[in-house]
Amino acid sequence: MKEIGSQEAFDLLQRDPECIYLDVRSIPEFEQGHPVRALNIPILHFSPGMGMMPNQEFSEVVEGNLPKEAKILIGCKTGMRSAQACEIMSRLGYSDVTNVRGGFVGVMDQFGDVTEPGWSLLRLPVCSSCEENSSYEALEKKSKK
């Protein structure tokens, strides 16, 4: 699996307007702040009282919105969920997926200390309001058409 750091991901997004940043964090995490131009398709949903639960429609929404030949950078909070999403998408036939190592916060060691800063700690551009077509709700609706 290909991996790049958050700074490399930002640089690539600046150079290549066709490149897609897919944020696979939960909807509340995405709404609190995400990379500029990110699309949100959670691999897990947050369920109050239950914790994180698999998004049963992840593959369907991905395939309904993202071309298989697109260059896609996949990020989450620390890089674990995004690595899982890279594997799923590769099995679905996506040929150019790259895990954003460290994601939004950063790579953490077993003690919870950041060993490599992610997007937010590098102070890369973040927004908390979504473009209308980047929210999971909009992407899910589009995939049903």
Protein backbone atom coordinates (compact mmCIF):
# COMPACT_ATOMS: atom_id res chain seq x y z
CA MET A 1 0.00 0.00 0.00
CA LYS A 2 1.27 3.45 -0.90
CA GLU A 3 1.64 5.96 1.94
CA ILE A 4 2.54 9.62 2.17
CA GLY A 5 2.64 12.10 5.04
CA SER A 6 0.15 14.93 5.50
CA GLN A 7 2.52 17.60 4.18
CA GLU A 8 3.14 15.53 1.03
CA ALA A 9 -0.62 15.06 0.65
CA PHE A 10 -1.20 18.81 0.89
CA ASP A 11 1.56 19.50 -1.66
CA LEU A 12 0.09 16.95 -4.06
CA LEU A 13 -3.41 18.44 -3.73
CA GLN A 14 -1.93 21.87 -4.55
CA ARG A 15 -0.18 20.56 -7.67
CA ASP A 16 -2.98 18.31 -8.93
CA PRO A 17 -6.52 19.75 -8.89
CA GLU A 18 -7.89 16.36 -10.07
CA CYS A 19 -6.54 14.58 -6.98
CA ILE A 20 -9.23 13.68 -4.42
CA TYR A 21 -8.83 13.72 -0.62
CA LEU A 22 -11.22 11.19 0.93
CA ASP A 23 -11.71 11.63 4.69
CA VAL A 24 -13.01 8.36 6.16
CA ARG A 25 -13.54 9.68 9.72
CA SER A 26 -17.00 9.76 11.28
CA ILE A 27 -19.40 12.57 10.41
CA PRO A 28 -18.90 14.40 13.77
CA GLU A 29 -15.10 14.22 13.39
CA PHE A 30 -15.33 15.57 9.83
CA GLU A 31 -17.67 18.39 10.88
CA GLN A 32 -15.24 19.52 13.60
CA GLY A 33 -12.61 20.22 10.94
CA HIS A 34 -11.17 18.60 7.84
CA PRO A 35 -8.69 19.25 5.04
CA VAL A 36 -9.88 21.76 2.47
CA ARG A 37 -11.51 19.96 -0.55
CA ALA A 38 -12.01 16.75 1.46
CA LEU A 39 -14.97 14.46 0.79
CA ASN A 40 -16.43 12.53 3.73
CA ILE A 41 -17.34 8.86 3.42
CA PRO A 42 -16.94 7.33 6.91
CA ILE A 43 -15.66 3.78 7.13
CA LEU A 44 -17.19 3.70 10.64
CA HIS A 45 -20.16 5.61 12.05
CA PHE A 46 -20.23 6.92 15.61
CA SER A 47 -23.26 5.59 17.47
CA PRO A 48 -23.90 7.22 20.90
CA GLY A 49 -23.66 4.62 23.64
CA MET A 50 -22.34 2.01 21.20
CA GLY A 51 -19.12 3.58 19.94
CA MET A 52 -17.87 3.09 16.39
CA MET A 53 -19.88 0.79 14.11
CA PRO A 54 -19.03 -0.26 10.52
CA ASN A 55 -20.63 1.79 7.75
CA GLN A 56 -22.44 -0.95 5.82
CA GLU A 57 -22.79 1.35 2.80
CA PHE A 58 -19.11 2.44 2.59
CA SER A 59 -18.35 0.52 -0.63
CA GLU A 60 -21.62 1.51 -2.30
CA VAL A 61 -21.15 5.23 -1.56
CA VAL A 62 -17.50 5.15 -2.64
CA GLU A 63 -18.36 3.46 -5.94
CA GLY A 64 -21.29 5.83 -6.50
CA ASN A 65 -19.10 8.92 -6.18
CA LEU A 66 -15.46 8.21 -7.03
CA PRO A 67 -14.10 7.07 -10.40
CA LYS A 68 -11.98 3.90 -10.18
CA GLU A 69 -9.11 5.53 -12.09
CA ALA A 70 -8.97 8.69 -9.90
CA LYS A 71 -5.92 9.54 -7.81
CA ILE A 72 -7.31 9.31 -4.26
CA LEU A 73 -5.59 10.25 -1.00
CA ILE A 74 -7.32 8.62 1.96
CA GLY A 75 -7.05 10.09 5.45
CA CYS A 76 -8.59 9.62 8.88
CA LYS A 77 -7.50 10.66 12.39
CA THR A 78 -4.21 8.76 12.71
CA GLY A 79 -3.93 6.58 9.61
CA MET A 80 -5.47 3.31 10.79
CA ARG A 81 -8.99 3.61 9.35
CA SER A 82 -7.60 5.09 6.15
CA ALA A 83 -5.26 2.11 5.72
CA GLN A 84 -8.31 -0.16 6.07
CA ALA A 85 -10.21 1.96 3.50
CA CYS A 86 -7.24 1.69 1.07
CA GLU A 87 -7.43 -2.09 1.30
CA ILE A 88 -11.20 -2.15 0.72
CA MET A 89 -10.98 0.24 -2.21
CA SER A 90 -8.11 -1.69 -3.80
CA ARG A 91 -10.29 -4.83 -3.67
CA LEU A 92 -13.08 -2.82 -5.34
CA GLY A 93 -10.74 -2.06 -8.26
CA TYR A 94 -9.44 1.40 -7.36
CA SER A 95 -5.96 1.54 -8.87
CA ASP A 96 -4.45 4.72 -7.36
CA VAL A 97 -5.23 4.93 -3.64
CA THR A 98 -2.71 6.29 -1.13
CA ASN A 99 -2.93 6.22 2.66
CA VAL A 100 -2.23 9.56 4.35
CA ARG A 101 0.02 8.38 7.17
CA GLY A 102 -0.93 10.15 10.37
CA GLY A 103 -4.12 11.58 8.90
CA PHE A 104 -5.65 14.59 10.62
CA VAL A 105 -3.92 14.33 14.02
CA GLY A 106 -0.77 12.29 13.49
CA VAL A 107 0.97 8.96 13.93
CA MET A 108 0.81 7.93 17.59
CA ASP A 109 2.91 5.50 19.61
CA GLN A 110 1.52 3.00 22.12
CA PHE A 111 1.45 5.73 24.80
CA GLY A 112 -0.69 8.09 22.70
CA ASP A 113 2.17 10.47 21.95
CA VAL A 114 2.35 11.90 18.44
CA THR A 115 5.47 10.67 16.64
CA GLU A 116 4.65 12.27 13.27
CA PRO A 117 2.31 15.28 13.11
CA GLY A 118 -0.78 15.06 10.93
CA TRP A 119 -2.71 17.65 8.93
CA SER A 120 -4.04 19.73 11.85
CA LEU A 121 -0.78 19.73 13.85
CA LEU A 122 1.11 20.86 10.74
CA ARG A 123 -1.40 23.74 10.54
CA LEU A 124 -2.36 22.92 6.98
CA PRO A 125 -5.59 24.52 5.67
CA VAL A 126 -8.65 23.25 7.53
CA CYS A 127 -12.33 24.05 7.22
CA SER A 128 -15.25 23.08 9.42
CA SER A 129 -18.07 23.91 7.04
CA CYS A 130 -18.54 21.60 4.11
CA GLU A 131 -18.99 22.40 0.50
CA GLU A 132 -22.51 21.21 -0.16
CA ASN A 133 -21.39 18.20 -2.21
CA SER A 134 -18.62 17.03 0.19
CA SER A 135 -20.74 15.92 3.16
CA TYR A 136 -21.55 12.26 3.67
CA GLU A 137 -25.26 13.03 3.46
CA ALA A 138 -24.88 14.52 -0.02
CA LEU A 139 -22.54 11.76 -1.22
CA GLU A 140 -24.80 9.02 0.12
CA LYS A 141 -27.81 10.58 -1.60
CA LYS A 142 -25.89 10.85 -4.90
CA SER A 143 -24.91 7.15 -4.73
CA LYS A 144 -28.58 6.12 -4.49
CA LYS A 145 -29.51 7.71 -7.82
